[in-house]
């Protein structure tokens, strides 16, 4: 089975003369985990606590 990238896999890398190389720390930061929806985790946690309080007050809990 032919590799779909055979035409580009051995192309020489051409360094930019316009832009300096980015430091390793900044390059690594681009791949760091991030939260797509800012505040979503907090909203979920808040809702979870609300539901737990309601459940504690519920008459349907088996003791």
N, C-alpha and C. Protein backbone atom coordinates (compact mmCIF):
# COMPACT_ATOMS: atom_id res chain seq x y z
N UNK A 1 0.85 -1.18 0.00
CA UNK A 1 0.00 0.00 0.00
C UNK A 1 0.89 1.24 0.00
N UNK A 2 0.74 2.12 -0.94
CA UNK A 2 1.59 3.31 -1.00
C UNK A 2 1.25 4.31 0.11
N UNK A 3 2.28 4.98 0.59
CA UNK A 3 2.10 6.00 1.62
C UNK A 3 1.58 7.27 0.96
N UNK A 4 0.54 7.86 1.51
CA UNK A 4 -0.05 9.07 0.94
C UNK A 4 0.87 10.28 1.04
N UNK A 5 1.91 10.18 1.84
CA UNK A 5 2.79 11.33 2.07
C UNK A 5 4.16 11.16 1.42
N UNK A 6 4.32 10.18 0.57
CA UNK A 6 5.61 9.94 -0.06
C UNK A 6 6.13 11.16 -0.82
N UNK A 7 5.24 11.95 -1.37
CA UNK A 7 5.67 13.10 -2.17
C UNK A 7 6.22 14.25 -1.33
N UNK A 8 5.90 14.29 -0.04
CA UNK A 8 6.37 15.41 0.80
C UNK A 8 7.26 14.99 1.96
N UNK A 9 7.37 13.70 2.22
CA UNK A 9 8.04 13.24 3.43
C UNK A 9 9.53 13.60 3.46
N UNK A 10 10.18 13.68 2.33
CA UNK A 10 11.62 13.95 2.31
C UNK A 10 11.97 15.35 1.80
N UNK A 11 11.01 16.24 1.80
CA UNK A 11 11.28 17.62 1.37
C UNK A 11 12.15 18.30 2.42
N UNK A 12 13.15 19.03 1.98
CA UNK A 12 14.03 19.76 2.89
C UNK A 12 13.27 20.90 3.55
N UNK A 13 13.52 21.09 4.85
CA UNK A 13 12.90 22.18 5.60
C UNK A 13 13.59 23.48 5.26
N UNK A 14 12.81 24.48 4.92
CA UNK A 14 13.37 25.78 4.59
C UNK A 14 13.08 26.74 5.74
N UNK A 15 14.13 27.18 6.43
CA UNK A 15 13.96 28.11 7.54
C UNK A 15 13.53 29.47 7.02
N UNK A 16 12.68 30.12 7.78
CA UNK A 16 12.20 31.44 7.41
C UNK A 16 13.30 32.48 7.61
N UNK A 17 13.45 33.34 6.65
CA UNK A 17 14.38 34.47 6.80
C UNK A 17 13.63 35.68 7.34
N UNK A 18 12.31 35.60 7.34
CA UNK A 18 11.48 36.71 7.80
C UNK A 18 11.20 36.65 9.30
N UNK A 19 11.05 35.44 9.84
CA UNK A 19 10.69 35.27 11.24
C UNK A 19 11.77 34.47 11.98
N UNK A 20 12.09 34.87 13.23
CA UNK A 20 13.05 34.10 14.02
C UNK A 20 12.41 32.80 14.51
N UNK A 21 13.26 31.84 14.87
CA UNK A 21 12.74 30.59 15.41
C UNK A 21 12.05 30.85 16.75
N UNK A 22 10.95 30.18 16.98
CA UNK A 22 10.23 30.31 18.24
C UNK A 22 10.97 29.49 19.29
N UNK A 23 11.14 30.02 20.51
CA UNK A 23 11.79 29.25 21.58
C UNK A 23 11.01 27.97 21.88
N UNK A 24 11.73 26.94 22.33
CA UNK A 24 11.10 25.65 22.61
C UNK A 24 9.95 25.77 23.61
N UNK A 25 10.11 26.62 24.63
CA UNK A 25 9.06 26.76 25.65
C UNK A 25 7.75 27.25 25.02
N UNK A 26 7.85 28.18 24.10
CA UNK A 26 6.64 28.70 23.46
C UNK A 26 6.04 27.68 22.49
N UNK A 27 6.89 26.94 21.82
CA UNK A 27 6.36 25.91 20.91
C UNK A 27 5.63 24.84 21.70
N UNK A 28 6.22 24.44 22.83
CA UNK A 28 5.59 23.41 23.66
C UNK A 28 4.26 23.91 24.23
N UNK A 29 4.18 25.20 24.56
CA UNK A 29 2.95 25.75 25.12
C UNK A 29 1.79 25.69 24.13
N UNK A 30 2.09 25.67 22.86
CA UNK A 30 1.02 25.60 21.86
C UNK A 30 0.29 24.27 21.91
N UNK A 31 0.93 23.25 22.46
CA UNK A 31 0.33 21.93 22.51
C UNK A 31 -0.14 21.56 23.91
N UNK A 32 -0.10 22.52 24.84
CA UNK A 32 -0.55 22.28 26.20
C UNK A 32 -2.07 22.12 26.21
N UNK A 33 -2.58 21.35 27.17
CA UNK A 33 -4.03 21.21 27.27
C UNK A 33 -4.69 22.56 27.53
N UNK A 34 -5.89 22.71 27.05
CA UNK A 34 -6.63 23.94 27.27
C UNK A 34 -8.11 23.62 27.39
N UNK A 35 -8.83 24.52 27.99
CA UNK A 35 -10.27 24.36 28.13
C UNK A 35 -10.95 25.07 26.97
N UNK A 36 -11.66 24.33 26.18
CA UNK A 36 -12.32 24.90 25.02
C UNK A 36 -13.43 25.85 25.45
N UNK A 37 -14.17 25.45 26.45
CA UNK A 37 -15.28 26.27 26.94
C UNK A 37 -14.91 26.84 28.30
N UNK A 38 -14.48 28.09 28.30
CA UNK A 38 -14.06 28.73 29.54
C UNK A 38 -15.23 28.78 30.52
N UNK A 39 -15.00 28.30 31.73
CA UNK A 39 -16.03 28.32 32.76
C UNK A 39 -16.95 27.11 32.74
N UNK A 40 -16.81 26.24 31.76
CA UNK A 40 -17.71 25.09 31.65
C UNK A 40 -17.53 24.14 32.83
N UNK A 41 -16.28 23.86 33.22
CA UNK A 41 -16.03 22.95 34.34
C UNK A 41 -16.67 23.48 35.62
N UNK A 42 -16.55 24.80 35.84
CA UNK A 42 -17.13 25.39 37.04
C UNK A 42 -18.65 25.29 37.02
N UNK A 43 -19.25 25.51 35.86
CA UNK A 43 -20.71 25.42 35.74
C UNK A 43 -21.19 24.00 36.00
N UNK A 44 -20.47 23.02 35.50
CA UNK A 44 -20.83 21.62 35.72
C UNK A 44 -20.73 21.28 37.20
N UNK A 45 -19.65 21.71 37.84
CA UNK A 45 -19.46 21.44 39.27
C UNK A 45 -20.57 22.09 40.09
N UNK A 46 -20.94 23.32 39.75
CA UNK A 46 -22.01 24.02 40.45
C UNK A 46 -23.33 23.26 40.31
N UNK A 47 -23.63 22.83 39.10
CA UNK A 47 -24.87 22.08 38.85
C UNK A 47 -24.87 20.75 39.60
N UNK A 48 -23.71 20.11 39.66
CA UNK A 48 -23.58 18.84 40.38
C UNK A 48 -23.91 19.03 41.85
N UNK A 49 -23.37 20.09 42.45
CA UNK A 49 -23.62 20.36 43.87
C UNK A 49 -25.09 20.67 44.12
N UNK A 50 -25.70 21.43 43.20
CA UNK A 50 -27.13 21.73 43.33
C UNK A 50 -27.96 20.44 43.30
N UNK A 51 -27.63 19.57 42.38
CA UNK A 51 -28.37 18.32 42.26
C UNK A 51 -28.16 17.42 43.48
N UNK A 52 -26.95 17.41 44.02
CA UNK A 52 -26.68 16.62 45.22
C UNK A 52 -27.50 17.13 46.40
N UNK A 53 -27.60 18.47 46.54
CA UNK A 53 -28.40 19.05 47.63
C UNK A 53 -29.87 18.68 47.46
N UNK A 54 -30.37 18.76 46.24
CA UNK A 54 -31.76 18.39 45.98
C UNK A 54 -32.00 16.91 46.28
N UNK A 55 -31.04 16.09 45.91
CA UNK A 55 -31.17 14.66 46.13
C UNK A 55 -31.17 14.34 47.62
N UNK A 56 -30.35 15.06 48.39
CA UNK A 56 -30.31 14.85 49.84
C UNK A 56 -31.66 15.17 50.48
N UNK A 57 -32.38 16.13 49.93
CA UNK A 57 -33.69 16.54 50.46
C UNK A 57 -34.82 15.67 49.93
N UNK A 58 -34.54 14.87 48.97
CA UNK A 58 -35.56 14.08 48.30
C UNK A 58 -36.14 13.01 49.22
N UNK A 59 -37.43 12.77 49.08
CA UNK A 59 -38.07 11.71 49.87
C UNK A 59 -37.86 10.34 49.24
N UNK A 60 -37.23 10.31 48.08
CA UNK A 60 -37.05 9.05 47.36
C UNK A 60 -35.75 8.34 47.68
N UNK A 61 -34.96 8.90 48.58
CA UNK A 61 -33.69 8.26 48.93
C UNK A 61 -33.97 7.11 49.89
N UNK A 62 -33.41 5.94 49.59
CA UNK A 62 -33.55 4.79 50.48
C UNK A 62 -32.55 4.93 51.61
N UNK A 63 -33.04 4.79 52.83
CA UNK A 63 -32.13 4.90 53.98
C UNK A 63 -31.80 3.55 54.53
